[in-house]
Amino acid sequence: MYSYKNYLIVLFASLAVSIGLQMILPFPYGLAAALAIFIALPLLIRRRYMSRMRGYGGDGGGSGGGFFGFNSEGGSGVKYVCLTCNHRFKGATCPRCGSKMKRADF
């Protein structure tokens, strides 16, 4: 896990390497390499960190994270609650009363 201090150290080290590459390589190649390092390195660090936290999908299992976190019932998809009869269901209309008035229930 990276702390904020370690992240800044790596970020400034990549900046130093980028400036060094700009001095060594000719203009368009040095700039392209510097931008690639300065953009790609933080993305790789974030991907590694998120795969350790199992929220990015790096392990391919799909075992966690997402916008709403872990689903408590293990099922996928959104369930709805009918506003007319308070029945919980999946789909467009309530199977009990046929109403289309619903709210999402996570």
Protein backbone atom coordinates (compact mmCIF):
# COMPACT_ATOMS: atom_id res chain seq x y z
CA MET A 1 0.00 0.00 0.00
CA TYR A 2 1.22 3.43 -0.89
CA SER A 3 0.89 6.31 1.47
CA TYR A 4 0.58 9.86 0.24
CA LYS A 5 4.25 10.51 1.03
CA ASN A 6 5.43 7.49 -0.98
CA TYR A 7 3.14 8.46 -3.85
CA LEU A 8 4.67 11.95 -3.99
CA ILE A 9 8.19 10.51 -3.89
CA VAL A 10 7.43 8.23 -6.83
CA LEU A 11 5.70 11.07 -8.68
CA PHE A 12 8.67 13.44 -8.31
CA ALA A 13 11.10 10.65 -9.19
CA SER A 14 9.17 10.06 -12.40
CA LEU A 15 9.30 13.81 -13.05
CA ALA A 16 13.09 13.77 -12.61
CA VAL A 17 13.43 10.80 -14.99
CA SER A 18 11.17 12.57 -17.48
CA ILE A 19 13.29 15.73 -17.41
CA GLY A 20 16.42 13.61 -17.81
CA LEU A 21 14.93 11.89 -20.85
CA GLN A 22 14.05 15.25 -22.36
CA MET A 23 17.67 16.34 -22.05
CA ILE A 24 19.04 13.13 -23.60
CA LEU A 25 16.55 12.42 -26.40
CA PRO A 26 15.73 14.77 -29.29
CA PHE A 27 12.68 17.02 -29.00
CA PRO A 28 9.62 15.04 -30.10
CA TYR A 29 10.86 11.70 -28.74
CA GLY A 30 11.93 13.10 -25.39
CA LEU A 31 8.62 14.86 -24.91
CA ALA A 32 6.65 11.75 -25.84
CA ALA A 33 8.71 9.56 -23.48
CA ALA A 34 8.40 12.10 -20.65
CA LEU A 35 4.63 12.35 -21.04
CA ALA A 36 4.32 8.57 -21.23
CA ILE A 37 6.27 8.10 -18.01
CA PHE A 38 4.57 10.95 -16.17
CA ILE A 39 1.09 9.67 -17.12
CA ALA A 40 1.59 5.90 -17.15
CA LEU A 41 3.47 5.48 -13.88
CA PRO A 42 0.72 6.84 -11.58
CA LEU A 43 -1.86 4.79 -13.51
CA LEU A 44 0.18 1.62 -12.96
CA ILE A 45 0.58 2.42 -9.27
CA ARG A 46 -3.16 2.95 -8.89
CA ARG A 47 -3.95 -0.27 -10.76
CA ARG A 48 -1.59 -2.25 -8.54
CA TYR A 49 -3.06 -0.70 -5.41
CA MET A 50 -6.65 -1.32 -6.52
CA SER A 51 -5.93 -4.92 -7.51
CA ARG A 52 -4.54 -5.49 -4.03
CA MET A 53 -7.74 -4.05 -2.61
CA ARG A 54 -9.76 -6.26 -5.03
CA GLY A 55 -11.86 -3.36 -6.24
CA TYR A 56 -10.50 -2.86 -9.72
CA GLY A 57 -11.08 -6.31 -11.16
CA GLY A 58 -7.40 -7.13 -11.57
CA ASP A 59 -7.84 -10.71 -10.38
CA GLY A 60 -10.68 -11.36 -12.82
CA GLY A 61 -12.94 -12.80 -10.13
CA GLY A 62 -15.26 -9.85 -9.98
CA SER A 63 -15.38 -10.38 -6.25
CA GLY A 64 -15.75 -6.89 -5.01
CA GLY A 65 -16.05 -3.20 -5.17
CA GLY A 66 -18.14 -1.52 -7.71
CA PHE A 67 -19.90 1.75 -7.14
CA PHE A 68 -22.22 0.51 -4.42
CA GLY A 69 -19.84 -1.97 -2.79
CA PHE A 70 -20.67 -5.56 -2.08
CA ASN A 71 -24.16 -6.77 -2.79
CA SER A 72 -25.60 -8.14 0.43
CA GLU A 73 -27.77 -10.78 -1.22
CA GLY A 74 -25.22 -12.10 -3.69
CA GLY A 75 -27.53 -11.58 -6.66
CA SER A 76 -26.77 -9.29 -9.52
CA GLY A 77 -28.93 -6.50 -10.81
CA VAL A 78 -31.19 -3.97 -9.20
CA LYS A 79 -34.34 -4.87 -7.33
CA TYR A 80 -37.26 -2.49 -7.21
CA VAL A 81 -39.98 -1.76 -4.66
CA CYS A 82 -43.45 -0.98 -5.93
CA LEU A 83 -44.71 2.37 -4.66
CA THR A 84 -48.33 1.20 -4.78
CA CYS A 85 -48.28 -2.14 -2.96
CA ASN A 86 -44.72 -2.18 -1.50
CA HIS A 87 -43.85 -5.47 -3.26
CA ARG A 88 -40.16 -6.14 -4.00
CA PHE A 89 -39.44 -7.35 -7.56
CA LYS A 90 -37.13 -7.27 -10.58
CA GLY A 91 -38.32 -5.90 -13.91
CA ALA A 92 -40.36 -3.11 -15.39
CA THR A 93 -43.79 -3.65 -13.84
CA CYS A 94 -44.94 -5.00 -10.50
CA PRO A 95 -46.09 -8.62 -10.87
CA ARG A 96 -48.60 -8.20 -8.03
CA CYS A 97 -50.51 -5.07 -9.06
CA GLY A 98 -49.14 -4.19 -12.53
CA SER A 99 -48.02 -0.69 -11.51
CA LYS A 100 -45.00 0.91 -13.16
CA MET A 101 -44.37 3.23 -10.22
CA LYS A 102 -41.25 1.92 -8.50
CA ARG A 103 -38.08 2.91 -6.66
CA ALA A 104 -34.70 1.21 -6.70
CA ASP A 105 -33.73 -0.87 -3.68
CA PHE A 106 -30.04 -1.66 -3.18
